[in-house]
Each structure stands twice: as structure tokens, then as C-alpha cells.
N, C-alpha and C. Protein backbone atom coordinates (compact mmCIF):
# COMPACT_ATOMS: atom_id res chain seq x y z
N MET A 1 -4.30 -26.13 18.10
CA MET A 1 -4.01 -25.07 17.16
C MET A 1 -3.73 -23.78 17.93
N VAL A 2 -2.76 -23.01 17.46
CA VAL A 2 -2.35 -21.79 18.14
C VAL A 2 -3.28 -20.65 17.74
N LYS A 3 -3.72 -19.88 18.72
CA LYS A 3 -4.59 -18.75 18.45
C LYS A 3 -3.74 -17.49 18.34
N ARG A 4 -3.93 -16.75 17.24
CA ARG A 4 -3.16 -15.53 17.03
C ARG A 4 -3.80 -14.39 17.81
N ILE A 5 -3.02 -13.68 18.59
CA ILE A 5 -3.53 -12.58 19.38
C ILE A 5 -3.18 -11.27 18.69
N GLY A 6 -4.17 -10.42 18.49
CA GLY A 6 -3.91 -9.12 17.90
C GLY A 6 -4.58 -8.97 16.55
N THR A 7 -4.31 -7.84 15.92
CA THR A 7 -4.91 -7.49 14.64
C THR A 7 -3.85 -7.42 13.57
N GLN A 8 -4.23 -6.92 12.38
CA GLN A 8 -3.27 -6.78 11.29
C GLN A 8 -2.20 -5.74 11.60
N GLN A 9 -2.50 -4.81 12.49
CA GLN A 9 -1.57 -3.72 12.74
C GLN A 9 -0.56 -4.04 13.83
N ARG A 10 -0.57 -5.26 14.36
CA ARG A 10 0.40 -5.58 15.40
C ARG A 10 1.80 -5.69 14.81
N LYS A 11 2.81 -5.33 15.59
CA LYS A 11 4.22 -5.35 15.20
C LYS A 11 4.51 -4.42 14.02
N THR A 12 3.83 -3.28 13.96
CA THR A 12 4.07 -2.33 12.87
C THR A 12 4.43 -0.96 13.41
N ARG A 13 5.10 -0.90 14.56
CA ARG A 13 5.41 0.38 15.20
C ARG A 13 6.18 1.32 14.26
N TYR A 14 7.16 0.82 13.55
CA TYR A 14 7.98 1.69 12.70
C TYR A 14 7.43 1.80 11.29
N LYS A 15 6.70 0.80 10.83
CA LYS A 15 6.11 0.89 9.50
C LYS A 15 5.00 1.93 9.47
N LEU A 16 4.29 2.09 10.57
CA LEU A 16 3.13 2.98 10.59
C LEU A 16 3.43 4.31 11.28
N THR A 17 4.67 4.79 11.20
CA THR A 17 4.99 6.13 11.69
C THR A 17 5.48 6.98 10.54
N ARG A 18 5.07 8.24 10.52
CA ARG A 18 5.49 9.17 9.48
C ARG A 18 6.72 9.92 9.96
N PRO A 19 7.62 10.30 9.05
CA PRO A 19 8.72 11.18 9.44
C PRO A 19 8.17 12.52 9.96
N TYR A 20 8.93 13.19 10.77
CA TYR A 20 8.46 14.40 11.46
C TYR A 20 7.91 15.45 10.50
N ARG A 21 8.58 15.71 9.40
CA ARG A 21 8.16 16.76 8.47
C ARG A 21 7.00 16.35 7.57
N GLU A 22 6.62 15.08 7.57
CA GLU A 22 5.52 14.62 6.71
C GLU A 22 4.22 14.43 7.48
N LYS A 23 4.21 14.76 8.77
CA LYS A 23 3.00 14.60 9.56
C LYS A 23 2.01 15.72 9.23
N GLY A 24 0.74 15.46 9.49
CA GLY A 24 -0.28 16.48 9.25
C GLY A 24 -1.30 16.02 8.23
N LYS A 25 -1.93 17.01 7.59
CA LYS A 25 -2.98 16.69 6.62
C LYS A 25 -2.43 15.97 5.41
N ILE A 26 -3.28 15.16 4.78
CA ILE A 26 -2.92 14.45 3.56
C ILE A 26 -3.16 15.41 2.40
N SER A 27 -2.18 15.56 1.50
CA SER A 27 -2.35 16.43 0.35
C SER A 27 -3.29 15.77 -0.65
N LEU A 28 -4.14 16.57 -1.27
CA LEU A 28 -5.13 16.03 -2.21
C LEU A 28 -4.47 15.49 -3.47
N SER A 29 -3.34 16.06 -3.88
CA SER A 29 -2.66 15.55 -5.07
C SER A 29 -2.16 14.12 -4.83
N GLN A 30 -1.77 13.82 -3.62
CA GLN A 30 -1.34 12.47 -3.28
C GLN A 30 -2.54 11.52 -3.19
N TYR A 31 -3.66 12.04 -2.74
CA TYR A 31 -4.86 11.24 -2.56
C TYR A 31 -5.47 10.83 -3.90
N PHE A 32 -5.40 11.72 -4.90
CA PHE A 32 -6.03 11.48 -6.20
C PHE A 32 -5.03 11.19 -7.30
N GLN A 33 -3.93 10.50 -6.99
CA GLN A 33 -2.94 10.17 -8.01
C GLN A 33 -3.55 9.28 -9.09
N LEU A 34 -3.12 9.46 -10.32
CA LEU A 34 -3.59 8.63 -11.42
C LEU A 34 -2.46 7.72 -11.90
N TYR A 35 -2.79 6.47 -12.09
CA TYR A 35 -1.85 5.48 -12.60
C TYR A 35 -2.50 4.78 -13.79
N HIS A 36 -1.67 4.29 -14.69
CA HIS A 36 -2.14 3.58 -15.87
C HIS A 36 -1.65 2.14 -15.81
N PRO A 37 -2.38 1.21 -16.44
CA PRO A 37 -1.93 -0.19 -16.43
C PRO A 37 -0.51 -0.32 -16.97
N GLY A 38 0.31 -1.07 -16.25
CA GLY A 38 1.70 -1.26 -16.63
C GLY A 38 2.67 -0.39 -15.86
N ASP A 39 2.19 0.63 -15.13
CA ASP A 39 3.07 1.49 -14.34
C ASP A 39 3.66 0.71 -13.17
N LYS A 40 4.94 0.98 -12.87
CA LYS A 40 5.59 0.37 -11.71
C LYS A 40 5.33 1.25 -10.50
N VAL A 41 4.92 0.61 -9.40
CA VAL A 41 4.64 1.34 -8.16
C VAL A 41 5.27 0.61 -6.98
N GLY A 42 5.61 1.40 -5.96
CA GLY A 42 6.10 0.85 -4.71
C GLY A 42 4.99 0.88 -3.69
N LEU A 43 4.95 -0.11 -2.81
CA LEU A 43 3.92 -0.18 -1.78
C LEU A 43 4.47 0.38 -0.48
N LYS A 44 3.81 1.41 0.05
CA LYS A 44 4.23 2.01 1.31
C LYS A 44 2.98 2.40 2.09
N LEU A 45 2.81 1.83 3.25
CA LEU A 45 1.62 2.09 4.06
C LEU A 45 1.59 3.54 4.54
N HIS A 46 0.42 4.16 4.44
CA HIS A 46 0.21 5.49 4.98
C HIS A 46 -0.68 5.34 6.20
N PRO A 47 -0.20 5.67 7.40
CA PRO A 47 -0.94 5.37 8.62
C PRO A 47 -2.24 6.15 8.80
N ALA A 48 -2.39 7.27 8.11
CA ALA A 48 -3.58 8.09 8.31
C ALA A 48 -4.80 7.56 7.56
N GLU A 49 -4.60 6.65 6.62
CA GLU A 49 -5.71 6.15 5.80
C GLU A 49 -5.85 4.65 6.00
N GLN A 50 -7.05 4.22 6.45
CA GLN A 50 -7.27 2.80 6.67
C GLN A 50 -7.87 2.10 5.46
N HIS A 51 -8.52 2.85 4.56
CA HIS A 51 -9.16 2.25 3.40
C HIS A 51 -8.12 1.85 2.36
N GLY A 52 -8.32 0.72 1.74
CA GLY A 52 -7.43 0.27 0.68
C GLY A 52 -6.04 -0.09 1.17
N ARG A 53 -5.94 -0.50 2.42
CA ARG A 53 -4.65 -0.86 2.99
C ARG A 53 -4.36 -2.33 2.70
N PHE A 54 -3.11 -2.65 2.46
CA PHE A 54 -2.71 -4.03 2.19
C PHE A 54 -2.09 -4.62 3.45
N PHE A 55 -1.83 -5.92 3.43
CA PHE A 55 -1.24 -6.58 4.60
C PHE A 55 0.18 -6.05 4.81
N PRO A 56 0.56 -5.73 6.06
CA PRO A 56 1.85 -5.07 6.31
C PRO A 56 3.08 -5.83 5.83
N ARG A 57 2.97 -7.13 5.60
CA ARG A 57 4.13 -7.88 5.12
C ARG A 57 4.58 -7.40 3.74
N PHE A 58 3.67 -6.83 2.96
CA PHE A 58 3.99 -6.40 1.60
C PHE A 58 4.54 -4.98 1.56
N HIS A 59 4.73 -4.34 2.71
CA HIS A 59 5.28 -2.99 2.78
C HIS A 59 6.70 -2.99 2.21
N GLY A 60 6.95 -2.14 1.21
CA GLY A 60 8.26 -2.07 0.58
C GLY A 60 8.36 -2.85 -0.72
N PHE A 61 7.34 -3.62 -1.07
CA PHE A 61 7.36 -4.39 -2.31
C PHE A 61 7.15 -3.46 -3.51
N THR A 62 7.56 -3.91 -4.67
CA THR A 62 7.32 -3.20 -5.93
C THR A 62 6.43 -4.07 -6.80
N GLY A 63 5.45 -3.43 -7.45
CA GLY A 63 4.52 -4.17 -8.30
C GLY A 63 4.13 -3.37 -9.52
N ARG A 64 3.23 -3.95 -10.31
CA ARG A 64 2.74 -3.29 -11.52
C ARG A 64 1.23 -3.11 -11.42
N ILE A 65 0.77 -1.97 -11.94
CA ILE A 65 -0.67 -1.69 -11.97
C ILE A 65 -1.30 -2.59 -13.03
N ALA A 66 -2.32 -3.35 -12.63
CA ALA A 66 -3.00 -4.25 -13.55
C ALA A 66 -4.36 -3.70 -13.96
N GLY A 67 -4.94 -2.84 -13.15
CA GLY A 67 -6.26 -2.29 -13.47
C GLY A 67 -6.76 -1.44 -12.32
N ARG A 68 -8.06 -1.15 -12.38
CA ARG A 68 -8.67 -0.32 -11.34
C ARG A 68 -9.95 -0.99 -10.86
N LYS A 69 -10.26 -0.81 -9.58
CA LYS A 69 -11.48 -1.36 -9.01
C LYS A 69 -12.00 -0.35 -8.00
N GLY A 70 -12.99 0.43 -8.41
CA GLY A 70 -13.52 1.48 -7.54
C GLY A 70 -12.49 2.57 -7.35
N ARG A 71 -12.25 2.93 -6.09
CA ARG A 71 -11.24 3.95 -5.78
C ARG A 71 -9.83 3.38 -5.74
N CYS A 72 -9.71 2.05 -5.72
CA CYS A 72 -8.42 1.40 -5.54
C CYS A 72 -7.85 0.89 -6.87
N TYR A 73 -6.56 0.60 -6.84
CA TYR A 73 -5.89 0.03 -8.00
C TYR A 73 -5.56 -1.43 -7.73
N GLU A 74 -5.58 -2.20 -8.80
CA GLU A 74 -5.21 -3.61 -8.74
C GLU A 74 -3.72 -3.70 -9.02
N VAL A 75 -2.95 -4.16 -8.04
CA VAL A 75 -1.49 -4.21 -8.16
C VAL A 75 -1.05 -5.67 -8.14
N ALA A 76 -0.28 -6.07 -9.14
CA ALA A 76 0.26 -7.43 -9.21
C ALA A 76 1.67 -7.42 -8.65
N ILE A 77 1.93 -8.27 -7.64
CA ILE A 77 3.25 -8.37 -7.04
C ILE A 77 3.74 -9.80 -7.12
N ASN A 78 5.04 -9.97 -6.92
CA ASN A 78 5.64 -11.30 -6.90
C ASN A 78 6.10 -11.57 -5.48
N ASP A 79 5.46 -12.53 -4.82
CA ASP A 79 5.78 -12.86 -3.43
C ASP A 79 6.44 -14.23 -3.40
N ARG A 80 7.77 -14.24 -3.37
CA ARG A 80 8.55 -15.48 -3.33
C ARG A 80 8.21 -16.43 -4.47
N GLY A 81 8.12 -15.89 -5.69
CA GLY A 81 7.86 -16.71 -6.85
C GLY A 81 6.40 -16.95 -7.14
N LYS A 82 5.52 -16.42 -6.30
CA LYS A 82 4.09 -16.60 -6.50
C LYS A 82 3.48 -15.25 -6.86
N GLU A 83 2.71 -15.21 -7.93
CA GLU A 83 2.06 -13.97 -8.38
C GLU A 83 0.83 -13.71 -7.52
N LYS A 84 0.74 -12.50 -6.93
CA LYS A 84 -0.39 -12.14 -6.09
C LYS A 84 -0.97 -10.81 -6.54
N THR A 85 -2.26 -10.62 -6.26
CA THR A 85 -2.96 -9.40 -6.62
C THR A 85 -3.45 -8.71 -5.36
N LEU A 86 -3.15 -7.42 -5.24
CA LEU A 86 -3.59 -6.61 -4.11
C LEU A 86 -4.45 -5.47 -4.64
N TYR A 87 -5.44 -5.06 -3.86
CA TYR A 87 -6.25 -3.90 -4.20
C TYR A 87 -5.86 -2.80 -3.23
N VAL A 88 -5.21 -1.75 -3.75
CA VAL A 88 -4.56 -0.75 -2.91
C VAL A 88 -5.06 0.65 -3.26
N HIS A 89 -5.32 1.45 -2.24
CA HIS A 89 -5.69 2.86 -2.42
C HIS A 89 -4.46 3.62 -2.90
N PRO A 90 -4.64 4.62 -3.78
CA PRO A 90 -3.48 5.34 -4.35
C PRO A 90 -2.62 6.04 -3.30
N LEU A 91 -3.15 6.29 -2.12
CA LEU A 91 -2.38 6.93 -1.07
C LEU A 91 -1.25 6.04 -0.57
N HIS A 92 -1.39 4.73 -0.73
CA HIS A 92 -0.37 3.78 -0.28
C HIS A 92 0.59 3.40 -1.41
N LEU A 93 0.52 4.10 -2.55
CA LEU A 93 1.36 3.78 -3.70
C LEU A 93 2.34 4.92 -3.97
N ILE A 94 3.54 4.56 -4.40
CA ILE A 94 4.56 5.54 -4.80
C ILE A 94 5.05 5.15 -6.19
N ARG A 95 5.06 6.12 -7.11
CA ARG A 95 5.47 5.85 -8.48
C ARG A 95 6.97 5.50 -8.54
N GLN A 96 7.30 4.42 -9.25
CA GLN A 96 8.69 3.99 -9.45
C GLN A 96 9.06 4.25 -10.90
N GLU A 97 10.26 4.66 -11.12
CA GLU A 97 10.72 4.93 -12.51
C GLU A 97 11.52 3.77 -13.03
């Protein structure tokens, strides 16, 4: 059996970098965003926050808010025809219209 070397953050050099003008402190309005069940959200990793982070393969996916669990939201996504549930901190979510 092949042993995987590294952690979840391996091969994420460009996914986990912020654009030049967005570097710095995290704004509190972004940290405490409110979502309601049924809202469409996009998944985008924020490198400054490790809590409530999802697996990097799902970066760029779009899902729906299914509920809340503690500080995180329950997001339902479709991964190649299979329904999956992720628990994501609101800092890693972007509202989709």
C-alpha cells in the first residue's frame, strides 16, 4: 500500500494565497456573516483561518446552506453526482446570487 506524504495543505500554493490588496486583518463583517437555509454559497478557502476549513479539493464548488452547527454552517454540495455535506466556517463562504 502506498503511503501518502504530507498534510491536507500540500499542493495548495495558489489556492492558499490572498491577492495583494486583500492581505492583512480579517474584517469582522466577513467573519460573522449570516446565512439562512437554502442560500447558495461558493466555497473559497481563506488561508488565515484554520477552523472550519474543508478539504482543498472542494475549493471553488457551489453548494446550499442546509443548517448550522456551532460556529459553522452545514453546506450540501454535489461531488460528481454524489451528495456530500461539509461543515464550513462562514469565513470560507461567499454568497452566490
